[in-house]
Amino acid sequence: MHKLMVLYPEPADPDHFRDYYVNNHLPLVRRMPGLLAFRYSFEVAATQGQTPYFAVFEAEFADAAAMTASRASPQGLQAAADVANYATGGAVVIHFPVQNGTS
């Protein structure tokens, strides 16, 4: 499993961000090939102090190659280009292989 995570700092217009993200951006994301699942939240909290992020997004792919191919696809490029339409605070994009832990 490979995850893509996007951390969004506070935008200039939080209401526009929420509305545009749910109604315009996520439908583009859903069309990305190889996407297994995704999650997002506008309720980002820090364990101490104020959080540096307004929203968080997490996507799952089978592996890094599937994620790379998805991001390079026409659908992935369209989703990436759309970020400027709502994320006025920018976006931090990271990805990583998932390691399962046991207790």
Protein backbone atom coordinates (compact mmCIF):
# COMPACT_ATOMS: atom_id res chain seq x y z
CA MET A 1 0.00 0.00 0.00
CA HIS A 2 1.21 3.50 -0.84
CA LYS A 3 -0.36 6.70 0.46
CA LEU A 4 -0.49 10.21 -0.89
CA MET A 5 -1.19 12.91 1.70
CA VAL A 6 -2.03 16.55 1.10
CA LEU A 7 -1.90 19.05 3.96
CA TYR A 8 -3.64 22.36 3.35
CA PRO A 9 -2.72 25.50 5.33
CA GLU A 10 -5.49 28.00 6.12
CA PRO A 11 -7.01 29.40 2.90
CA ALA A 12 -8.07 33.02 2.38
CA ASP A 13 -11.75 31.95 2.19
CA PRO A 14 -12.49 28.78 4.22
CA ASP A 15 -16.13 28.59 3.08
CA HIS A 16 -15.12 28.72 -0.59
CA PHE A 17 -12.46 26.07 0.05
CA ARG A 18 -14.95 23.66 1.64
CA ASP A 19 -17.62 24.15 -1.03
CA TYR A 20 -15.27 23.99 -4.01
CA TYR A 21 -13.31 21.06 -2.60
CA VAL A 22 -16.37 18.87 -2.03
CA ASN A 23 -18.37 19.86 -5.11
CA ASN A 24 -15.63 20.36 -7.72
CA HIS A 25 -12.26 18.96 -6.68
CA LEU A 26 -13.21 15.61 -5.16
CA PRO A 27 -15.22 14.57 -8.25
CA LEU A 28 -11.99 15.07 -10.25
CA VAL A 29 -10.02 13.02 -7.73
CA ARG A 30 -12.54 10.16 -7.91
CA ARG A 31 -11.73 9.76 -11.62
CA MET A 32 -8.01 9.12 -11.04
CA PRO A 33 -7.03 5.63 -12.24
CA GLY A 34 -5.64 3.25 -9.64
CA LEU A 35 -7.11 5.15 -6.70
CA LEU A 36 -8.21 2.54 -4.15
CA ALA A 37 -9.68 4.82 -1.48
CA PHE A 38 -9.47 8.36 -0.13
CA ARG A 39 -10.32 10.27 3.02
CA TYR A 40 -10.36 13.93 3.93
CA SER A 41 -11.19 16.18 6.85
CA PHE A 42 -11.70 19.85 7.60
CA GLU A 43 -11.46 19.12 11.35
CA VAL A 44 -7.67 19.08 11.73
CA ALA A 45 -6.47 19.57 15.31
CA ALA A 46 -3.04 19.64 16.91
CA THR A 47 -2.39 17.74 20.13
CA GLN A 48 -0.83 20.94 21.51
CA GLY A 49 -1.27 24.50 20.34
CA GLN A 50 -2.81 25.63 17.11
CA THR A 51 -2.70 23.39 14.04
CA PRO A 52 -0.80 24.66 10.99
CA TYR A 53 -3.35 22.94 8.70
CA PHE A 54 -6.93 23.67 7.73
CA ALA A 55 -7.62 20.39 5.90
CA VAL A 56 -6.02 17.04 5.19
CA PHE A 57 -6.45 14.55 2.33
CA GLU A 58 -5.22 10.95 2.14
CA ALA A 59 -5.34 8.65 -0.91
CA GLU A 60 -4.43 4.98 -1.15
CA PHE A 61 -2.79 3.23 -4.10
CA ALA A 62 -1.53 -0.33 -4.51
CA ASP A 63 2.09 0.84 -4.72
CA ALA A 64 4.29 3.82 -5.62
CA ALA A 65 4.19 2.98 -9.34
CA ALA A 66 0.37 3.03 -9.33
CA MET A 67 0.38 6.41 -7.55
CA THR A 68 2.94 7.86 -9.98
CA ALA A 69 0.96 6.62 -13.01
CA SER A 70 -2.27 7.99 -11.56
CA ARG A 71 -0.77 11.42 -10.91
CA ALA A 72 0.68 11.51 -14.45
CA SER A 73 -2.60 10.49 -16.09
CA PRO A 74 -4.85 13.11 -17.71
CA GLN A 75 -7.21 12.81 -14.73
CA GLY A 76 -4.36 13.22 -12.25
CA LEU A 77 -2.97 16.25 -14.08
CA GLN A 78 -6.44 17.81 -14.16
CA ALA A 79 -6.87 17.28 -10.40
CA ALA A 80 -3.43 18.76 -9.70
CA ALA A 81 -4.13 21.82 -11.89
CA ASP A 82 -7.41 22.37 -10.03
CA VAL A 83 -5.72 22.93 -6.65
CA ALA A 84 -5.09 26.61 -7.44
CA ASN A 85 -8.87 27.15 -7.65
CA TYR A 86 -9.42 26.65 -3.91
CA ALA A 87 -6.13 26.23 -1.99
CA THR A 88 -5.08 29.87 -1.66
CA GLY A 89 -2.91 28.92 1.33
CA GLY A 90 -0.99 26.39 -0.74
CA ALA A 91 -0.67 22.64 -0.28
CA VAL A 92 1.99 20.32 1.10
CA VAL A 93 2.04 17.01 -0.81
CA ILE A 94 3.83 13.98 0.60
CA HIS A 95 3.71 10.25 -0.14
CA PHE A 96 4.97 7.14 1.57
CA PRO A 97 4.76 3.35 1.64
CA VAL A 98 2.62 2.06 4.47
CA GLN A 99 4.24 -0.19 7.06
CA ASN A 100 1.86 -2.26 9.15
CA GLY A 101 2.53 -2.49 12.84
CA THR A 102 1.49 -5.04 15.39
CA SER A 103 1.05 -4.75 19.11
